[in-house]
Amino acid sequence: MPETQTRPEETGIVPAGVLSPAIHLDHCVIHVSDWTRSNAFYRDVVGAEIVARGDGYAYRFGGVQLNCHGPGVNPKMVAAQPVMPGNSDLCFRWSGSIAEAIAHLDGLAVPVELGPVETFGAAGAGISVYFRDPDGSLLEFITYPAP
């Protein structure tokens, strides 16, 4: 099952078979203030594929995408309270150990603000570290124990 697919039968929130076909997150929106700085950060720190999109960019992670509002972008539809630079809170699943995530951030001079700490994410209990993107949005790398 793709990591982006919901797992209602495992969460106990929605009865099995109710979301058929399964629903998964396709994209969400962040706002950045500087394309060059943000593109480099999301590429190097978070591992995004940078996708040119009209007058701006999107950041793709396999089957999930962050559409970006930023300089020169005039979106057709926005939330009632449009996202602004620095007000997003995003969690990314890290495939290695939390120590490797911390070493990765240290190697790129990205300060860890909190962690490692016990957290709870889409796959249950995990361990996370928190850091910020260049605009101040809160980012998180979460790891889950091996099955």
N, C-alpha and C. Protein backbone atom coordinates (compact mmCIF):
# COMPACT_ATOMS: atom_id res chain seq x y z
N MET A 1 0.86 -1.18 0.00
CA MET A 1 0.00 0.00 0.00
C MET A 1 0.89 1.23 0.00
N PRO A 2 0.68 2.19 -0.89
CA PRO A 2 1.50 3.40 -0.91
C PRO A 2 1.42 4.15 0.41
N GLU A 3 2.54 4.79 0.81
CA GLU A 3 2.57 5.51 2.08
C GLU A 3 1.59 6.66 2.11
N THR A 4 1.17 7.16 0.95
CA THR A 4 0.25 8.29 0.92
C THR A 4 -1.20 7.87 1.06
N GLN A 5 -1.46 6.59 1.05
CA GLN A 5 -2.83 6.10 1.11
C GLN A 5 -3.31 6.05 2.55
N THR A 6 -4.57 6.38 2.79
CA THR A 6 -5.11 6.29 4.13
C THR A 6 -5.27 4.83 4.51
N ARG A 7 -5.25 4.57 5.78
CA ARG A 7 -5.37 3.19 6.27
C ARG A 7 -6.49 3.13 7.29
N PRO A 8 -7.74 3.33 6.88
CA PRO A 8 -8.83 3.40 7.85
C PRO A 8 -8.98 2.14 8.67
N GLU A 9 -8.69 0.97 8.10
CA GLU A 9 -8.85 -0.26 8.85
C GLU A 9 -7.84 -0.38 9.98
N GLU A 10 -6.72 0.33 9.88
CA GLU A 10 -5.71 0.27 10.94
C GLU A 10 -5.95 1.32 12.01
N THR A 11 -6.58 2.43 11.69
CA THR A 11 -6.76 3.51 12.65
C THR A 11 -7.96 3.30 13.55
N GLY A 12 -8.93 2.56 13.06
CA GLY A 12 -10.13 2.37 13.84
C GLY A 12 -11.07 3.56 13.81
N ILE A 13 -10.73 4.60 13.06
CA ILE A 13 -11.56 5.80 12.99
C ILE A 13 -12.70 5.62 12.01
N VAL A 14 -12.41 5.05 10.86
CA VAL A 14 -13.41 4.85 9.81
C VAL A 14 -13.50 3.36 9.54
N PRO A 15 -14.69 2.80 9.50
CA PRO A 15 -14.82 1.37 9.23
C PRO A 15 -14.18 0.98 7.90
N ALA A 16 -13.59 -0.21 7.86
CA ALA A 16 -12.96 -0.71 6.64
C ALA A 16 -13.96 -0.71 5.50
N GLY A 17 -13.48 -0.30 4.31
CA GLY A 17 -14.30 -0.31 3.12
C GLY A 17 -15.09 0.96 2.88
N VAL A 18 -15.17 1.87 3.87
CA VAL A 18 -15.94 3.09 3.70
C VAL A 18 -15.26 4.01 2.69
N LEU A 19 -13.95 4.09 2.70
CA LEU A 19 -13.22 4.95 1.78
C LEU A 19 -12.67 4.09 0.65
N SER A 20 -13.55 3.71 -0.24
CA SER A 20 -13.12 2.85 -1.33
C SER A 20 -13.53 3.49 -2.65
N PRO A 21 -12.62 3.85 -3.55
CA PRO A 21 -11.19 3.66 -3.39
C PRO A 21 -10.64 4.58 -2.30
N ALA A 22 -9.48 4.20 -1.77
CA ALA A 22 -8.88 4.94 -0.66
C ALA A 22 -8.60 6.38 -1.06
N ILE A 23 -8.71 7.27 -0.09
CA ILE A 23 -8.39 8.68 -0.28
C ILE A 23 -6.95 8.88 0.19
N HIS A 24 -6.21 9.71 -0.54
CA HIS A 24 -4.86 10.04 -0.09
C HIS A 24 -4.60 11.51 -0.33
N LEU A 25 -3.65 12.06 0.39
CA LEU A 25 -3.28 13.46 0.24
C LEU A 25 -2.55 13.63 -1.08
N ASP A 26 -3.03 14.51 -1.93
CA ASP A 26 -2.41 14.79 -3.22
C ASP A 26 -1.45 15.97 -3.11
N HIS A 27 -1.93 17.07 -2.57
CA HIS A 27 -1.07 18.24 -2.39
C HIS A 27 -1.65 19.16 -1.32
N CYS A 28 -0.80 20.01 -0.80
CA CYS A 28 -1.22 21.10 0.06
C CYS A 28 -0.39 22.31 -0.33
N VAL A 29 -0.64 23.45 0.30
CA VAL A 29 -0.01 24.70 -0.12
C VAL A 29 0.82 25.29 1.00
N ILE A 30 2.00 25.76 0.64
CA ILE A 30 2.81 26.58 1.54
C ILE A 30 3.08 27.89 0.80
N HIS A 31 3.54 28.88 1.54
CA HIS A 31 3.88 30.17 0.93
C HIS A 31 5.34 30.46 1.26
N VAL A 32 6.09 30.83 0.26
CA VAL A 32 7.51 31.14 0.44
C VAL A 32 7.76 32.58 0.01
N SER A 33 8.82 33.17 0.57
CA SER A 33 9.10 34.57 0.25
C SER A 33 10.24 34.74 -0.75
N ASP A 34 11.04 33.69 -0.96
CA ASP A 34 12.20 33.78 -1.84
C ASP A 34 12.37 32.43 -2.53
N TRP A 35 12.16 32.39 -3.85
CA TRP A 35 12.21 31.13 -4.59
C TRP A 35 13.57 30.45 -4.51
N THR A 36 14.63 31.19 -4.74
CA THR A 36 15.97 30.59 -4.76
C THR A 36 16.30 29.94 -3.42
N ARG A 37 16.08 30.68 -2.36
CA ARG A 37 16.38 30.19 -1.01
C ARG A 37 15.50 28.99 -0.65
N SER A 38 14.20 29.08 -0.91
CA SER A 38 13.29 27.99 -0.55
C SER A 38 13.51 26.76 -1.42
N ASN A 39 13.73 26.96 -2.71
CA ASN A 39 13.99 25.80 -3.59
C ASN A 39 15.21 25.03 -3.11
N ALA A 40 16.28 25.74 -2.79
CA ALA A 40 17.50 25.07 -2.31
C ALA A 40 17.23 24.34 -1.01
N PHE A 41 16.52 24.96 -0.09
CA PHE A 41 16.23 24.34 1.20
C PHE A 41 15.39 23.08 1.04
N TYR A 42 14.28 23.18 0.33
CA TYR A 42 13.40 22.01 0.20
C TYR A 42 14.05 20.90 -0.62
N ARG A 43 14.92 21.25 -1.57
CA ARG A 43 15.66 20.24 -2.34
C ARG A 43 16.71 19.57 -1.45
N ASP A 44 17.55 20.36 -0.80
CA ASP A 44 18.70 19.82 -0.07
C ASP A 44 18.35 19.23 1.29
N VAL A 45 17.45 19.88 2.02
CA VAL A 45 17.14 19.46 3.38
C VAL A 45 16.04 18.41 3.40
N VAL A 46 15.01 18.60 2.60
CA VAL A 46 13.84 17.71 2.66
C VAL A 46 13.79 16.73 1.50
N GLY A 47 14.62 16.91 0.49
CA GLY A 47 14.69 15.95 -0.61
C GLY A 47 13.62 16.12 -1.67
N ALA A 48 13.09 17.31 -1.82
CA ALA A 48 12.02 17.55 -2.80
C ALA A 48 12.55 17.58 -4.21
N GLU A 49 11.72 17.12 -5.13
CA GLU A 49 11.93 17.36 -6.55
C GLU A 49 11.33 18.73 -6.82
N ILE A 50 12.10 19.65 -7.37
CA ILE A 50 11.61 21.00 -7.66
C ILE A 50 10.94 20.98 -9.03
N VAL A 51 9.66 21.35 -9.07
CA VAL A 51 8.87 21.29 -10.29
C VAL A 51 8.46 22.72 -10.67
N ALA A 52 8.92 23.18 -11.85
CA ALA A 52 8.50 24.49 -12.33
C ALA A 52 7.00 24.46 -12.57
N ARG A 53 6.31 25.51 -12.14
CA ARG A 53 4.85 25.55 -12.21
C ARG A 53 4.40 26.97 -12.46
N GLY A 54 4.14 27.32 -13.71
CA GLY A 54 3.73 28.68 -14.04
C GLY A 54 4.81 29.67 -13.66
N ASP A 55 4.46 30.64 -12.83
CA ASP A 55 5.43 31.64 -12.36
C ASP A 55 6.14 31.23 -11.09
N GLY A 56 5.90 30.02 -10.63
CA GLY A 56 6.51 29.57 -9.39
C GLY A 56 6.95 28.13 -9.47
N TYR A 57 6.86 27.45 -8.32
CA TYR A 57 7.35 26.08 -8.22
C TYR A 57 6.44 25.27 -7.30
N ALA A 58 6.60 23.97 -7.40
CA ALA A 58 6.00 23.03 -6.46
C ALA A 58 7.12 22.12 -6.00
N TYR A 59 6.95 21.53 -4.83
CA TYR A 59 7.92 20.60 -4.27
C TYR A 59 7.25 19.24 -4.20
N ARG A 60 7.83 18.27 -4.89
CA ARG A 60 7.21 16.96 -5.01
C ARG A 60 8.01 15.92 -4.22
N PHE A 61 7.28 15.08 -3.53
CA PHE A 61 7.84 13.99 -2.72
C PHE A 61 7.08 12.73 -3.11
N GLY A 62 7.55 12.04 -4.15
CA GLY A 62 6.83 10.87 -4.61
C GLY A 62 5.45 11.26 -5.07
N GLY A 63 4.41 10.72 -4.44
CA GLY A 63 3.05 11.00 -4.84
C GLY A 63 2.38 12.14 -4.11
N VAL A 64 3.13 12.92 -3.34
CA VAL A 64 2.58 14.06 -2.60
C VAL A 64 3.33 15.31 -3.03
N GLN A 65 2.61 16.42 -3.10
CA GLN A 65 3.23 17.65 -3.59
C GLN A 65 2.87 18.83 -2.70
N LEU A 66 3.83 19.73 -2.52
CA LEU A 66 3.58 21.03 -1.90
C LEU A 66 3.50 22.04 -3.02
N ASN A 67 2.33 22.60 -3.26
CA ASN A 67 2.21 23.71 -4.20
C ASN A 67 2.64 24.96 -3.44
N CYS A 68 3.36 25.83 -4.11
CA CYS A 68 3.90 27.01 -3.43
C CYS A 68 3.29 28.29 -3.95
N HIS A 69 2.84 29.11 -3.03
CA HIS A 69 2.51 30.49 -3.34
C HIS A 69 3.77 31.28 -3.00
N GLY A 70 4.04 32.29 -3.80
CA GLY A 70 5.23 33.09 -3.56
C GLY A 70 5.32 34.23 -4.54
N PRO A 71 6.47 34.88 -4.61
CA PRO A 71 6.63 36.03 -5.49
C PRO A 71 6.21 35.71 -6.94
N GLY A 72 5.32 36.54 -7.48
CA GLY A 72 4.88 36.39 -8.86
C GLY A 72 3.73 35.43 -9.08
N VAL A 73 3.31 34.73 -8.06
CA VAL A 73 2.23 33.74 -8.19
C VAL A 73 0.93 34.37 -7.71
N ASN A 74 -0.09 34.29 -8.54
CA ASN A 74 -1.42 34.79 -8.20
C ASN A 74 -2.42 33.65 -8.32
N PRO A 75 -2.60 32.87 -7.23
CA PRO A 75 -3.47 31.70 -7.31
C PRO A 75 -4.93 32.10 -7.54
N LYS A 76 -5.66 31.23 -8.25
CA LYS A 76 -7.07 31.46 -8.53
C LYS A 76 -7.93 31.28 -7.29
N MET A 77 -7.60 30.28 -6.51
CA MET A 77 -8.37 29.97 -5.30
C MET A 77 -7.41 29.93 -4.11
N VAL A 78 -7.85 30.52 -3.01
CA VAL A 78 -7.07 30.47 -1.78
C VAL A 78 -8.01 30.21 -0.61
N ALA A 79 -7.45 29.81 0.50
CA ALA A 79 -8.24 29.59 1.71
C ALA A 79 -8.81 30.92 2.21
N ALA A 80 -9.81 30.84 3.07
CA ALA A 80 -10.40 32.05 3.65
C ALA A 80 -9.32 32.88 4.34
N GLN A 81 -8.37 32.24 4.97
CA GLN A 81 -7.20 32.88 5.57
C GLN A 81 -6.00 32.36 4.79
N PRO A 82 -5.59 33.00 3.70
CA PRO A 82 -4.52 32.46 2.86
C PRO A 82 -3.23 32.20 3.63
N VAL A 83 -2.57 31.13 3.26
CA VAL A 83 -1.31 30.78 3.89
C VAL A 83 -0.29 31.87 3.59
N MET A 84 0.50 32.20 4.59
CA MET A 84 1.53 33.24 4.46
C MET A 84 2.89 32.61 4.76
N PRO A 85 3.98 33.23 4.32
CA PRO A 85 5.30 32.69 4.63
C PRO A 85 5.47 32.52 6.15
N GLY A 86 5.94 31.36 6.53
CA GLY A 86 6.24 31.10 7.94
C GLY A 86 5.09 30.57 8.77
N ASN A 87 3.90 30.34 8.20
CA ASN A 87 2.82 29.87 9.07
C ASN A 87 2.37 28.45 8.77
N SER A 88 3.22 27.66 8.13
CA SER A 88 2.89 26.25 7.88
C SER A 88 3.55 25.37 8.93
N ASP A 89 3.00 24.20 9.11
CA ASP A 89 3.50 23.21 10.07
C ASP A 89 3.40 21.87 9.35
N LEU A 90 4.55 21.32 8.93
CA LEU A 90 4.57 20.12 8.09
C LEU A 90 5.44 19.04 8.70
N CYS A 91 5.01 17.80 8.56
CA CYS A 91 5.78 16.66 9.04
C CYS A 91 6.13 15.76 7.87
N PHE A 92 7.40 15.35 7.82
CA PHE A 92 7.89 14.45 6.78
C PHE A 92 8.40 13.17 7.43
N ARG A 93 8.03 12.04 6.86
CA ARG A 93 8.50 10.75 7.36
C ARG A 93 9.95 10.56 6.92
N TRP A 94 10.84 10.33 7.88
CA TRP A 94 12.25 10.08 7.62
C TRP A 94 12.44 8.58 7.59
N SER A 95 13.09 8.07 6.55
CA SER A 95 13.18 6.61 6.38
C SER A 95 14.30 5.97 7.20
N GLY A 96 15.23 6.75 7.71
CA GLY A 96 16.31 6.20 8.53
C GLY A 96 16.02 6.40 10.01
N SER A 97 17.09 6.37 10.79
CA SER A 97 16.95 6.57 12.23
C SER A 97 16.85 8.06 12.54
N ILE A 98 16.37 8.36 13.72
CA ILE A 98 16.28 9.77 14.12
C ILE A 98 17.67 10.37 14.26
N ALA A 99 18.65 9.55 14.66
CA ALA A 99 20.04 10.03 14.74
C ALA A 99 20.55 10.43 13.36
N GLU A 100 20.17 9.68 12.33
CA GLU A 100 20.56 10.03 10.96
C GLU A 100 19.88 11.31 10.51
N ALA A 101 18.63 11.50 10.91
CA ALA A 101 17.93 12.75 10.56
C ALA A 101 18.63 13.95 11.20
N ILE A 102 19.01 13.81 12.45
CA ILE A 102 19.71 14.89 13.16
C ILE A 102 21.06 15.15 12.50
N ALA A 103 21.78 14.11 12.16
CA ALA A 103 23.08 14.28 11.49
C ALA A 103 22.91 14.97 10.14
N HIS A 104 21.85 14.61 9.41
CA HIS A 104 21.55 15.25 8.12
C HIS A 104 21.34 16.75 8.31
N LEU A 105 20.53 17.11 9.28
CA LEU A 105 20.27 18.53 9.56
C LEU A 105 21.54 19.24 10.00
N ASP A 106 22.30 18.62 10.90
CA ASP A 106 23.56 19.21 11.36
C ASP A 106 24.52 19.44 10.20
N GLY A 107 24.60 18.47 9.29
CA GLY A 107 25.49 18.58 8.14
C GLY A 107 25.14 19.71 7.20
N LEU A 108 23.89 20.15 7.24
CA LEU A 108 23.43 21.26 6.39
C LEU A 108 23.26 22.55 7.20
N ALA A 109 23.75 22.54 8.44
CA ALA A 109 23.68 23.70 9.34
C ALA A 109 22.24 24.17 9.58
N VAL A 110 21.32 23.20 9.68
CA VAL A 110 19.93 23.50 10.00
C VAL A 110 19.73 23.17 11.48
N PRO A 111 19.48 24.18 12.30
CA PRO A 111 19.34 23.93 13.74
C PRO A 111 18.10 23.11 14.08
N VAL A 112 18.27 22.16 14.98
CA VAL A 112 17.14 21.40 15.52
C VAL A 112 16.59 22.23 16.67
N GLU A 113 15.30 22.51 16.64
CA GLU A 113 14.68 23.31 17.71
C GLU A 113 14.19 22.45 18.86
N LEU A 114 13.78 21.23 18.55
CA LEU A 114 13.30 20.33 19.58
C LEU A 114 13.50 18.90 19.11
N GLY A 115 13.94 18.08 20.02
CA GLY A 115 14.03 16.67 19.70
C GLY A 115 15.41 16.10 19.92
N PRO A 116 15.42 14.80 19.90
CA PRO A 116 14.31 13.90 19.57
C PRO A 116 13.29 13.83 20.71
N VAL A 117 12.01 13.76 20.31
CA VAL A 117 10.90 13.66 21.26
C VAL A 117 9.91 12.63 20.74
N GLU A 118 9.18 12.01 21.67
CA GLU A 118 8.13 11.08 21.30
C GLU A 118 6.95 11.86 20.73
N THR A 119 6.42 11.40 19.60
CA THR A 119 5.29 12.06 18.96
C THR A 119 4.31 11.01 18.45
N PHE A 120 3.26 11.48 17.83
CA PHE A 120 2.25 10.59 17.27
C PHE A 120 1.90 11.09 15.89
N GLY A 121 2.08 10.26 14.87
CA GLY A 121 1.81 10.64 13.50
C GLY A 121 0.85 9.69 12.83
N ALA A 122 0.83 9.73 11.51
CA ALA A 122 -0.12 8.94 10.72
C ALA A 122 0.04 7.43 10.91
N ALA A 123 1.25 6.98 11.25
CA ALA A 123 1.48 5.54 11.45
C ALA A 123 1.57 5.18 12.93
N GLY A 124 1.16 6.11 13.82
CA GLY A 124 1.17 5.82 15.25
C GLY A 124 2.30 6.52 15.97
N ALA A 125 2.79 5.87 17.04
CA ALA A 125 3.84 6.45 17.87
C ALA A 125 5.15 6.52 17.11
N GLY A 126 5.84 7.64 17.25
CA GLY A 126 7.12 7.83 16.57
C GLY A 126 8.04 8.73 17.38
N ILE A 127 9.18 9.00 16.80
CA ILE A 127 10.16 9.92 17.38
C ILE A 127 10.40 11.01 16.36
N SER A 128 10.40 12.27 16.81
CA SER A 128 10.53 13.40 15.88
C SER A 128 11.60 14.38 16.30
N VAL A 129 12.07 15.14 15.29
CA VAL A 129 12.89 16.33 15.50
C VAL A 129 12.22 17.46 14.73
N TYR A 130 12.30 18.66 15.30
CA TYR A 130 11.66 19.83 14.72
C TYR A 130 12.70 20.85 14.32
N PHE A 131 12.44 21.52 13.18
CA PHE A 131 13.33 22.54 12.66
C PHE A 131 12.49 23.49 11.82
N ARG A 132 13.09 24.53 11.27
CA ARG A 132 12.33 25.53 10.52
C ARG A 132 12.87 25.72 9.11
N ASP A 133 11.95 26.07 8.18
CA ASP A 133 12.38 26.42 6.83
C ASP A 133 12.85 27.88 6.84
N PRO A 134 13.37 28.39 5.73
CA PRO A 134 13.91 29.76 5.73
C PRO A 134 12.90 30.85 6.09
N ASP A 135 11.60 30.59 5.91
CA ASP A 135 10.59 31.58 6.27
C ASP A 135 10.07 31.42 7.70
N GLY A 136 10.48 30.35 8.37
CA GLY A 136 10.05 30.12 9.74
C GLY A 136 8.96 29.09 9.92
N SER A 137 8.48 28.47 8.82
CA SER A 137 7.51 27.40 8.97
C SER A 137 8.13 26.26 9.76
N LEU A 138 7.34 25.63 10.60
CA LEU A 138 7.82 24.53 11.43
C LEU A 138 7.78 23.24 10.63
N LEU A 139 8.92 22.56 10.56
CA LEU A 139 9.02 21.28 9.87
C LEU A 139 9.42 20.22 10.88
N GLU A 140 9.07 18.99 10.56
CA GLU A 140 9.32 17.87 11.45
C GLU A 140 9.75 16.67 10.62
N PHE A 141 10.77 15.96 11.09
CA PHE A 141 11.10 14.65 10.57
C PHE A 141 10.62 13.66 11.64
N ILE A 142 9.81 12.69 11.24
CA ILE A 142 9.34 11.65 12.16
C ILE A 142 9.86 10.29 11.70
N THR A 143 10.22 9.47 12.64
CA THR A 143 10.60 8.10 12.37
C THR A 143 9.66 7.19 13.18
N TYR A 144 9.45 5.99 12.66
CA TYR A 144 8.61 5.02 13.33
C TYR A 144 9.44 3.78 13.63
N PRO A 145 9.13 3.09 14.73
CA PRO A 145 9.87 1.87 15.03
C PRO A 145 9.66 0.81 13.94
N ALA A 146 10.68 0.01 13.73
CA ALA A 146 10.57 -1.08 12.75
C ALA A 146 9.50 -2.05 13.21
N PRO A 147 8.71 -2.59 12.25
CA PRO A 147 7.64 -3.54 12.63
C PRO A 147 8.19 -4.83 13.18
